[in-house]
Amino acid sequence: MAPMENQHRFRVVAWWAAGRTGIAKSSSALNAIHFTSPPAFGGVDGRWTPQDLLLCAVASCFTTTFSAVAEDSKFEYTDLQVEVEGAIVKTDAGYRFGEVCIRPNLIIPHEQEQERAHALKLLQKAEGLCLVSHALSVAQRFEPRVQVSEPRAEVNQPLSVSDRKEGDV
């Protein structure tokens, strides 16, 4: 793994287009994002809002951080889904996020208590290293979940005759 530099810079530029909509572009991505105010505040349905983007930043940061932590620990997992929910509250100073809850759901391939404990430890480590969630001053809850799944069959792996059901081709 290459050594990390002391500083990394990221840049996003947003333009207000018309009404309650805008466009944002990142220096690291080719595609622009069309955004709007939340529909509850007069925005357009079906577009990302700044609130969605903030929660997406937390979820994607946690996902990439866990992936790096798992890889570094040589920990195998089947799948990871990260749900992030934010609650906006009205205060005397205006609207603000009152809380952000991070709910990672990790699927592991083996049912062993030691494996579950290690998985939970790695989830907690990733939560402690997530740069975006650390940048927030809002109260955060962390509700990790570890599940066991059966190994997935490879897509190009043929079914054995005994696995086929009547009517299967």
N, C-alpha and C. Protein backbone atom coordinates (compact mmCIF):
# COMPACT_ATOMS: atom_id res chain seq x y z
N MET A 1 0.85 -1.18 0.00
CA MET A 1 0.00 0.00 0.00
C MET A 1 0.89 1.24 0.00
N ALA A 2 0.59 2.20 -0.85
CA ALA A 2 1.39 3.43 -0.95
C ALA A 2 1.22 4.28 0.30
N PRO A 3 2.28 4.97 0.72
CA PRO A 3 2.15 5.83 1.91
C PRO A 3 1.20 6.98 1.65
N MET A 4 0.47 7.37 2.67
CA MET A 4 -0.49 8.47 2.55
C MET A 4 0.26 9.80 2.66
N GLU A 5 -0.13 10.76 1.86
CA GLU A 5 0.41 12.11 1.99
C GLU A 5 -0.22 12.76 3.21
N ASN A 6 0.35 13.87 3.65
CA ASN A 6 -0.17 14.56 4.83
C ASN A 6 -1.47 15.31 4.55
N GLN A 7 -1.71 15.65 3.29
CA GLN A 7 -2.91 16.42 2.97
C GLN A 7 -3.47 15.97 1.63
N HIS A 8 -4.78 15.86 1.56
CA HIS A 8 -5.50 15.54 0.32
C HIS A 8 -6.59 16.59 0.18
N ARG A 9 -6.74 17.13 -1.00
CA ARG A 9 -7.74 18.17 -1.22
C ARG A 9 -8.82 17.65 -2.16
N PHE A 10 -10.05 18.06 -1.90
CA PHE A 10 -11.20 17.70 -2.71
C PHE A 10 -11.94 18.99 -3.04
N ARG A 11 -12.57 19.01 -4.21
CA ARG A 11 -13.24 20.24 -4.63
C ARG A 11 -14.56 19.90 -5.29
N VAL A 12 -15.61 20.60 -4.88
CA VAL A 12 -16.93 20.49 -5.47
C VAL A 12 -17.41 21.91 -5.75
N VAL A 13 -18.00 22.10 -6.92
CA VAL A 13 -18.59 23.40 -7.27
C VAL A 13 -20.07 23.16 -7.55
N ALA A 14 -20.92 24.02 -6.99
CA ALA A 14 -22.36 23.91 -7.21
C ALA A 14 -22.88 25.20 -7.82
N TRP A 15 -23.83 25.07 -8.74
CA TRP A 15 -24.48 26.20 -9.37
C TRP A 15 -25.98 26.10 -9.12
N TRP A 16 -26.59 27.20 -8.78
CA TRP A 16 -28.04 27.23 -8.65
C TRP A 16 -28.59 27.40 -10.05
N ALA A 17 -29.45 26.49 -10.50
CA ALA A 17 -29.93 26.52 -11.88
C ALA A 17 -31.17 27.39 -12.01
N ALA A 18 -32.27 26.95 -11.43
CA ALA A 18 -33.53 27.70 -11.52
C ALA A 18 -34.46 27.19 -10.44
N GLY A 19 -35.32 28.07 -9.97
CA GLY A 19 -36.28 27.67 -8.95
C GLY A 19 -35.57 27.13 -7.72
N ARG A 20 -35.81 25.87 -7.42
CA ARG A 20 -35.19 25.24 -6.25
C ARG A 20 -34.26 24.10 -6.67
N THR A 21 -33.58 24.26 -7.83
CA THR A 21 -32.71 23.20 -8.32
C THR A 21 -31.31 23.74 -8.63
N GLY A 22 -30.36 22.83 -8.63
CA GLY A 22 -28.99 23.20 -8.95
C GLY A 22 -28.22 22.03 -9.50
N ILE A 23 -26.96 22.29 -9.83
CA ILE A 23 -26.06 21.27 -10.37
C ILE A 23 -24.76 21.35 -9.59
N ALA A 24 -24.20 20.19 -9.25
CA ALA A 24 -22.91 20.15 -8.56
C ALA A 24 -21.96 19.27 -9.35
N LYS A 25 -20.71 19.64 -9.36
CA LYS A 25 -19.69 18.88 -10.08
C LYS A 25 -18.47 18.75 -9.17
N SER A 26 -17.87 17.58 -9.21
CA SER A 26 -16.70 17.28 -8.40
C SER A 26 -15.45 17.23 -9.27
N SER A 27 -14.33 17.57 -8.68
CA SER A 27 -13.07 17.49 -9.43
C SER A 27 -12.65 16.04 -9.66
N SER A 28 -13.26 15.10 -8.95
CA SER A 28 -12.87 13.69 -9.10
C SER A 28 -13.89 12.84 -9.86
N ALA A 29 -14.99 13.44 -10.34
CA ALA A 29 -16.00 12.66 -11.06
C ALA A 29 -16.43 13.40 -12.32
N LEU A 30 -16.66 12.64 -13.37
CA LEU A 30 -17.07 13.24 -14.64
C LEU A 30 -18.52 13.72 -14.63
N ASN A 31 -19.40 12.97 -13.97
CA ASN A 31 -20.83 13.28 -14.01
C ASN A 31 -21.22 14.32 -12.98
N ALA A 32 -22.06 15.23 -13.39
CA ALA A 32 -22.61 16.22 -12.47
C ALA A 32 -23.81 15.61 -11.74
N ILE A 33 -24.15 16.19 -10.61
CA ILE A 33 -25.32 15.77 -9.84
C ILE A 33 -26.33 16.91 -9.87
N HIS A 34 -27.55 16.57 -10.24
CA HIS A 34 -28.63 17.54 -10.18
C HIS A 34 -29.26 17.44 -8.80
N PHE A 35 -29.36 18.55 -8.10
CA PHE A 35 -29.91 18.53 -6.75
C PHE A 35 -31.04 19.54 -6.62
N THR A 36 -31.76 19.42 -5.53
CA THR A 36 -32.89 20.30 -5.26
C THR A 36 -33.03 20.50 -3.76
N SER A 37 -33.82 21.46 -3.38
CA SER A 37 -34.22 21.58 -1.98
C SER A 37 -35.09 20.36 -1.67
N PRO A 38 -35.18 19.96 -0.41
CA PRO A 38 -36.08 18.84 -0.10
C PRO A 38 -37.52 19.19 -0.50
N PRO A 39 -38.26 18.20 -0.99
CA PRO A 39 -39.66 18.48 -1.35
C PRO A 39 -40.46 19.13 -0.21
N ALA A 40 -40.12 18.80 1.03
CA ALA A 40 -40.81 19.41 2.18
C ALA A 40 -40.57 20.92 2.24
N PHE A 41 -39.53 21.40 1.56
CA PHE A 41 -39.20 22.82 1.54
C PHE A 41 -39.36 23.41 0.14
N GLY A 42 -40.23 22.79 -0.67
CA GLY A 42 -40.53 23.33 -1.98
C GLY A 42 -39.68 22.81 -3.12
N GLY A 43 -38.86 21.80 -2.87
CA GLY A 43 -38.00 21.23 -3.90
C GLY A 43 -38.74 20.27 -4.81
N VAL A 44 -38.01 19.75 -5.78
CA VAL A 44 -38.56 18.88 -6.81
C VAL A 44 -38.41 17.42 -6.36
N ASP A 45 -39.45 16.61 -6.55
CA ASP A 45 -39.36 15.18 -6.26
C ASP A 45 -38.40 14.51 -7.22
N GLY A 46 -37.73 13.45 -6.76
CA GLY A 46 -36.91 12.63 -7.63
C GLY A 46 -35.48 13.10 -7.84
N ARG A 47 -35.04 14.10 -7.12
CA ARG A 47 -33.65 14.57 -7.22
C ARG A 47 -32.99 14.49 -5.84
N TRP A 48 -31.67 14.39 -5.88
CA TRP A 48 -30.90 14.40 -4.64
C TRP A 48 -31.05 15.76 -3.96
N THR A 49 -31.07 15.74 -2.63
CA THR A 49 -31.08 16.98 -1.85
C THR A 49 -29.75 17.10 -1.12
N PRO A 50 -29.40 18.29 -0.63
CA PRO A 50 -28.18 18.40 0.16
C PRO A 50 -28.18 17.43 1.36
N GLN A 51 -29.35 17.20 1.93
CA GLN A 51 -29.47 16.29 3.07
C GLN A 51 -29.15 14.86 2.63
N ASP A 52 -29.69 14.45 1.47
CA ASP A 52 -29.38 13.12 0.92
C ASP A 52 -27.88 12.97 0.68
N LEU A 53 -27.29 14.01 0.11
CA LEU A 53 -25.87 13.97 -0.22
C LEU A 53 -25.00 13.86 1.04
N LEU A 54 -25.40 14.56 2.10
CA LEU A 54 -24.66 14.45 3.37
C LEU A 54 -24.73 13.03 3.91
N LEU A 55 -25.93 12.46 3.93
CA LEU A 55 -26.09 11.10 4.43
C LEU A 55 -25.39 10.10 3.52
N CYS A 56 -25.40 10.35 2.21
CA CYS A 56 -24.68 9.50 1.26
C CYS A 56 -23.18 9.56 1.53
N ALA A 57 -22.68 10.74 1.85
CA ALA A 57 -21.25 10.89 2.16
C ALA A 57 -20.88 10.05 3.38
N VAL A 58 -21.73 10.05 4.39
CA VAL A 58 -21.46 9.24 5.59
C VAL A 58 -21.50 7.76 5.23
N ALA A 59 -22.54 7.32 4.50
CA ALA A 59 -22.69 5.91 4.15
C ALA A 59 -21.54 5.43 3.26
N SER A 60 -21.20 6.20 2.25
CA SER A 60 -20.14 5.77 1.34
C SER A 60 -18.77 5.81 2.02
N CYS A 61 -18.55 6.78 2.90
CA CYS A 61 -17.28 6.83 3.64
C CYS A 61 -17.16 5.62 4.55
N PHE A 62 -18.24 5.28 5.25
CA PHE A 62 -18.19 4.11 6.13
C PHE A 62 -17.92 2.85 5.31
N THR A 63 -18.59 2.71 4.18
CA THR A 63 -18.44 1.54 3.32
C THR A 63 -17.00 1.38 2.84
N THR A 64 -16.42 2.46 2.34
CA THR A 64 -15.04 2.38 1.84
C THR A 64 -14.04 2.19 2.99
N THR A 65 -14.32 2.79 4.14
CA THR A 65 -13.44 2.62 5.30
C THR A 65 -13.47 1.18 5.77
N PHE A 66 -14.68 0.59 5.87
CA PHE A 66 -14.76 -0.81 6.30
C PHE A 66 -14.05 -1.72 5.31
N SER A 67 -14.23 -1.47 4.03
CA SER A 67 -13.57 -2.28 3.02
C SER A 67 -12.06 -2.28 3.22
N ALA A 68 -11.49 -1.11 3.48
CA ALA A 68 -10.04 -1.01 3.70
C ALA A 68 -9.63 -1.72 4.99
N VAL A 69 -10.42 -1.56 6.06
CA VAL A 69 -10.13 -2.21 7.34
C VAL A 69 -10.20 -3.73 7.19
N ALA A 70 -11.22 -4.22 6.50
CA ALA A 70 -11.38 -5.66 6.29
C ALA A 70 -10.24 -6.22 5.45
N GLU A 71 -9.88 -5.50 4.40
CA GLU A 71 -8.78 -5.94 3.54
C GLU A 71 -7.46 -5.99 4.32
N ASP A 72 -7.22 -4.96 5.11
CA ASP A 72 -6.00 -4.92 5.91
C ASP A 72 -5.95 -6.06 6.93
N SER A 73 -7.13 -6.46 7.44
CA SER A 73 -7.22 -7.55 8.42
C SER A 73 -7.39 -8.91 7.77
N LYS A 74 -7.42 -8.93 6.43
CA LYS A 74 -7.65 -10.17 5.67
C LYS A 74 -8.94 -10.86 6.13
N PHE A 75 -9.97 -10.04 6.35
CA PHE A 75 -11.27 -10.52 6.80
C PHE A 75 -12.19 -10.65 5.60
N GLU A 76 -12.76 -11.84 5.40
CA GLU A 76 -13.66 -12.06 4.28
C GLU A 76 -15.11 -11.85 4.72
N TYR A 77 -15.86 -11.17 3.87
CA TYR A 77 -17.29 -10.99 4.12
C TYR A 77 -18.03 -11.13 2.81
N THR A 78 -19.31 -11.43 2.91
CA THR A 78 -20.13 -11.67 1.73
C THR A 78 -20.72 -10.38 1.18
N ASP A 79 -21.18 -9.50 2.08
CA ASP A 79 -21.83 -8.28 1.64
C ASP A 79 -21.87 -7.28 2.79
N LEU A 80 -21.98 -6.02 2.44
CA LEU A 80 -22.15 -4.95 3.43
C LEU A 80 -23.14 -3.95 2.87
N GLN A 81 -24.17 -3.67 3.65
CA GLN A 81 -25.13 -2.63 3.31
C GLN A 81 -25.12 -1.64 4.46
N VAL A 82 -24.99 -0.37 4.15
CA VAL A 82 -24.93 0.66 5.18
C VAL A 82 -26.11 1.62 4.99
N GLU A 83 -26.99 1.61 5.96
CA GLU A 83 -28.12 2.55 5.97
C GLU A 83 -27.76 3.69 6.90
N VAL A 84 -27.94 4.92 6.44
CA VAL A 84 -27.70 6.09 7.28
C VAL A 84 -28.98 6.91 7.28
N GLU A 85 -29.46 7.22 8.46
CA GLU A 85 -30.69 7.97 8.60
C GLU A 85 -30.42 9.23 9.41
N GLY A 86 -30.94 10.34 8.94
CA GLY A 86 -30.78 11.60 9.64
C GLY A 86 -32.12 12.18 10.01
N ALA A 87 -32.18 12.78 11.18
CA ALA A 87 -33.41 13.43 11.63
C ALA A 87 -33.16 14.94 11.67
N ILE A 88 -33.98 15.68 10.96
CA ILE A 88 -33.88 17.13 10.96
C ILE A 88 -34.90 17.69 11.95
N VAL A 89 -34.45 18.58 12.79
CA VAL A 89 -35.32 19.18 13.79
C VAL A 89 -35.28 20.70 13.66
N LYS A 90 -36.36 21.34 14.06
CA LYS A 90 -36.40 22.80 14.03
C LYS A 90 -36.04 23.30 15.41
N THR A 91 -35.08 24.20 15.45
CA THR A 91 -34.65 24.80 16.71
C THR A 91 -34.89 26.31 16.62
N ASP A 92 -34.59 27.02 17.68
CA ASP A 92 -34.71 28.48 17.66
C ASP A 92 -33.81 29.10 16.60
N ALA A 93 -32.68 28.45 16.32
CA ALA A 93 -31.72 28.96 15.34
C ALA A 93 -32.05 28.50 13.92
N GLY A 94 -33.07 27.67 13.73
CA GLY A 94 -33.44 27.17 12.41
C GLY A 94 -33.38 25.66 12.36
N TYR A 95 -33.45 25.09 11.18
CA TYR A 95 -33.41 23.64 11.03
C TYR A 95 -31.98 23.14 11.12
N ARG A 96 -31.84 21.94 11.71
CA ARG A 96 -30.53 21.31 11.80
C ARG A 96 -30.72 19.81 11.95
N PHE A 97 -29.66 19.06 11.65
CA PHE A 97 -29.71 17.63 11.92
C PHE A 97 -29.63 17.45 13.42
N GLY A 98 -30.60 16.73 13.98
CA GLY A 98 -30.59 16.45 15.42
C GLY A 98 -29.80 15.19 15.72
N GLU A 99 -29.76 14.27 14.74
CA GLU A 99 -29.06 13.01 14.95
C GLU A 99 -28.84 12.35 13.60
N VAL A 100 -27.75 11.59 13.52
CA VAL A 100 -27.47 10.74 12.37
C VAL A 100 -27.23 9.34 12.92
N CYS A 101 -27.92 8.35 12.34
CA CYS A 101 -27.77 6.97 12.78
C CYS A 101 -27.16 6.15 11.64
N ILE A 102 -26.07 5.46 11.94
CA ILE A 102 -25.38 4.62 10.97
C ILE A 102 -25.69 3.16 11.30
N ARG A 103 -26.29 2.45 10.34
CA ARG A 103 -26.67 1.05 10.55
C ARG A 103 -26.00 0.15 9.50
N PRO A 104 -24.77 -0.27 9.77
CA PRO A 104 -24.15 -1.21 8.84
C PRO A 104 -24.70 -2.62 9.07
N ASN A 105 -24.99 -3.31 8.00
CA ASN A 105 -25.46 -4.70 8.07
C ASN A 105 -24.44 -5.54 7.30
N LEU A 106 -23.61 -6.26 8.04
CA LEU A 106 -22.53 -7.03 7.45
C LEU A 106 -22.94 -8.49 7.35
N ILE A 107 -22.75 -9.07 6.17
CA ILE A 107 -23.05 -10.48 5.94
C ILE A 107 -21.72 -11.23 5.88
N ILE A 108 -21.58 -12.22 6.76
CA ILE A 108 -20.36 -13.03 6.79
C ILE A 108 -20.69 -14.45 6.37
N PRO A 109 -19.70 -15.18 5.82
CA PRO A 109 -19.99 -16.51 5.28
C PRO A 109 -19.99 -17.65 6.29
N HIS A 110 -19.49 -17.43 7.52
CA HIS A 110 -19.36 -18.54 8.46
C HIS A 110 -20.05 -18.25 9.78
N GLU A 111 -20.72 -19.24 10.33
CA GLU A 111 -21.42 -19.13 11.60
C GLU A 111 -20.48 -19.60 12.71
N GLN A 112 -19.66 -18.70 13.20
CA GLN A 112 -18.78 -18.99 14.33
C GLN A 112 -18.78 -17.76 15.23
N GLU A 113 -18.91 -17.96 16.52
CA GLU A 113 -18.96 -16.83 17.45
C GLU A 113 -17.71 -15.97 17.34
N GLN A 114 -16.56 -16.60 17.15
CA GLN A 114 -15.30 -15.86 17.02
C GLN A 114 -15.34 -14.97 15.77
N GLU A 115 -15.91 -15.50 14.69
CA GLU A 115 -16.02 -14.75 13.44
C GLU A 115 -16.96 -13.54 13.61
N ARG A 116 -18.08 -13.74 14.31
CA ARG A 116 -19.02 -12.65 14.57
C ARG A 116 -18.36 -11.56 15.42
N ALA A 117 -17.63 -11.97 16.45
CA ALA A 117 -16.96 -11.01 17.34
C ALA A 117 -15.93 -10.20 16.56
N HIS A 118 -15.16 -10.87 15.70
CA HIS A 118 -14.16 -10.18 14.90
C HIS A 118 -14.83 -9.20 13.93
N ALA A 119 -15.94 -9.62 13.34
CA ALA A 119 -16.68 -8.76 12.41
C ALA A 119 -17.17 -7.51 13.13
N LEU A 120 -17.73 -7.67 14.30
CA LEU A 120 -18.23 -6.53 15.07
C LEU A 120 -17.09 -5.59 15.44
N LYS A 121 -15.96 -6.15 15.81
CA LYS A 121 -14.79 -5.34 16.15
C LYS A 121 -14.32 -4.51 14.94
N LEU A 122 -14.32 -5.12 13.76
CA LEU A 122 -13.92 -4.40 12.55
C LEU A 122 -14.93 -3.31 12.18
N LEU A 123 -16.22 -3.59 12.36
CA LEU A 123 -17.24 -2.57 12.12
C LEU A 123 -17.01 -1.37 13.04
N GLN A 124 -16.74 -1.64 14.30
CA GLN A 124 -16.50 -0.56 15.26
C GLN A 124 -15.22 0.21 14.92
N LYS A 125 -14.21 -0.50 14.45
CA LYS A 125 -12.97 0.17 14.05
C LYS A 125 -13.24 1.10 12.87
N ALA A 126 -14.01 0.63 11.89
CA ALA A 126 -14.35 1.46 10.73
C ALA A 126 -15.14 2.68 11.15
N GLU A 127 -16.04 2.52 12.09
CA GLU A 127 -16.83 3.64 12.59
C GLU A 127 -15.92 4.68 13.22
N GLY A 128 -14.90 4.23 13.92
CA GLY A 128 -13.95 5.14 14.54
C GLY A 128 -13.02 5.84 13.57
N LEU A 129 -12.86 5.28 12.37
CA LEU A 129 -11.95 5.85 11.36
C LEU A 129 -12.65 6.63 10.25
N CYS A 130 -13.96 6.59 10.19
CA CYS A 130 -14.70 7.23 9.10
C CYS A 130 -14.53 8.76 9.15
N LEU A 131 -13.84 9.31 8.15
CA LEU A 131 -13.52 10.73 8.13
C LEU A 131 -14.76 11.63 8.06
N VAL A 132 -15.73 11.24 7.26
CA VAL A 132 -16.90 12.09 7.06
C VAL A 132 -17.74 12.16 8.33
N SER A 133 -18.00 11.03 8.97
CA SER A 133 -18.82 11.08 10.19
C SER A 133 -18.10 11.85 11.30
N HIS A 134 -16.77 11.82 11.30
CA HIS A 134 -16.02 12.60 12.29
C HIS A 134 -16.10 14.09 12.03
N ALA A 135 -16.39 14.48 10.80
CA ALA A 135 -16.49 15.89 10.45
C ALA A 135 -17.81 16.50 10.91
N LEU A 136 -18.75 15.67 11.32
CA LEU A 136 -20.07 16.16 11.73
C LEU A 136 -20.11 16.43 13.22
N SER A 137 -20.77 17.51 13.60
CA SER A 137 -20.91 17.82 15.02
C SER A 137 -22.24 17.33 15.58
N VAL A 138 -23.05 16.71 14.75
CA VAL A 138 -24.35 16.21 15.16
C VAL A 138 -24.19 14.91 15.96
N ALA A 139 -25.10 14.65 16.87
CA ALA A 139 -25.07 13.40 17.63
C ALA A 139 -25.23 12.23 16.67
N GLN A 140 -24.46 11.16 16.90
CA GLN A 140 -24.52 10.01 16.02
C GLN A 140 -24.77 8.74 16.84
N ARG A 141 -25.55 7.83 16.25
CA ARG A 141 -25.75 6.50 16.82
C ARG A 141 -25.14 5.50 15.85
N PHE A 142 -24.60 4.42 16.39
CA PHE A 142 -24.00 3.38 15.58
C PHE A 142 -24.66 2.08 15.96
N GLU A 143 -25.34 1.42 15.01
CA GLU A 143 -26.10 0.20 15.27
C GLU A 143 -25.66 -0.90 14.30
N PRO A 144 -24.49 -1.51 14.55
CA PRO A 144 -24.00 -2.54 13.63
C PRO A 144 -24.77 -3.84 13.76
N ARG A 145 -24.79 -4.60 12.67
CA ARG A 145 -25.47 -5.90 12.64
C ARG A 145 -24.61 -6.85 11.81
N VAL A 146 -24.41 -8.05 12.31
CA VAL A 146 -23.64 -9.06 11.58
C VAL A 146 -24.54 -10.26 11.36
N GLN A 147 -24.64 -10.72 10.11
CA GLN A 147 -25.45 -11.87 9.76
C GLN A 147 -24.58 -12.91 9.06
N VAL A 148 -25.06 -14.12 9.05
CA VAL A 148 -24.37 -15.21 8.36
C VAL A 148 -25.19 -15.60 7.15
N SER A 149 -24.51 -15.87 6.06
CA SER A 149 -25.22 -16.31 4.86
C SER A 149 -24.58 -17.57 4.33
N GLU A 150 -25.35 -18.26 3.52
CA GLU A 150 -24.82 -19.42 2.81
C GLU A 150 -23.91 -18.91 1.72
N PRO A 151 -22.86 -19.63 1.38
CA PRO A 151 -22.00 -19.21 0.27
C PRO A 151 -22.82 -19.08 -1.01
N ARG A 152 -22.53 -18.05 -1.78
CA ARG A 152 -23.25 -17.82 -3.03
C ARG A 152 -22.68 -18.71 -4.13
N ALA A 153 -23.56 -19.22 -4.99
CA ALA A 153 -23.11 -19.98 -6.15
C ALA A 153 -22.57 -18.98 -7.16
N GLU A 154 -21.54 -19.33 -7.84
CA GLU A 154 -20.99 -18.46 -8.88
C GLU A 154 -22.01 -18.36 -10.01
N VAL A 155 -22.09 -17.21 -10.63
CA VAL A 155 -23.06 -16.98 -11.70
C VAL A 155 -22.81 -17.93 -12.86
N ASN A 156 -21.56 -18.16 -13.21
CA ASN A 156 -21.27 -19.00 -14.36
C ASN A 156 -21.09 -20.47 -13.98
N GLN A 157 -21.37 -20.81 -12.73
CA GLN A 157 -21.24 -22.19 -12.27
C GLN A 157 -22.51 -22.95 -12.65
N PRO A 158 -22.39 -24.06 -13.41
CA PRO A 158 -23.59 -24.79 -13.82
C PRO A 158 -24.23 -25.49 -12.62
N LEU A 159 -25.54 -25.60 -12.65
CA LEU A 159 -26.25 -26.35 -11.63
C LEU A 159 -26.04 -27.83 -11.86
N SER A 160 -25.86 -28.57 -10.77
CA SER A 160 -25.78 -30.02 -10.94
C SER A 160 -27.19 -30.53 -11.22
N VAL A 161 -27.31 -31.69 -11.78
CA VAL A 161 -28.61 -32.26 -12.14
C VAL A 161 -29.50 -32.33 -10.91
N SER A 162 -28.94 -32.66 -9.74
CA SER A 162 -29.75 -32.78 -8.53
C SER A 162 -30.25 -31.44 -8.03
N ASP A 163 -29.61 -30.31 -8.43
CA ASP A 163 -30.04 -28.97 -8.01
C ASP A 163 -31.17 -28.43 -8.89
N ARG A 164 -31.37 -29.02 -10.04
CA ARG A 164 -32.38 -28.51 -10.95
C ARG A 164 -33.77 -28.95 -10.54
N LYS A 165 -34.70 -28.05 -10.70
CA LYS A 165 -36.09 -28.35 -10.39
C LYS A 165 -36.82 -28.66 -11.68
N GLU A 166 -37.93 -29.34 -11.56
CA GLU A 166 -38.72 -29.64 -12.75
C GLU A 166 -39.14 -28.34 -13.41
N GLY A 167 -38.95 -28.24 -14.69
CA GLY A 167 -39.29 -27.03 -15.44
C GLY A 167 -38.09 -26.15 -15.70
N ASP A 168 -36.97 -26.35 -14.95
CA ASP A 168 -35.74 -25.58 -15.20
C ASP A 168 -35.13 -26.03 -16.51
N VAL A 169 -34.54 -25.12 -17.23
CA VAL A 169 -33.87 -25.44 -18.50
C VAL A 169 -32.43 -25.80 -18.24
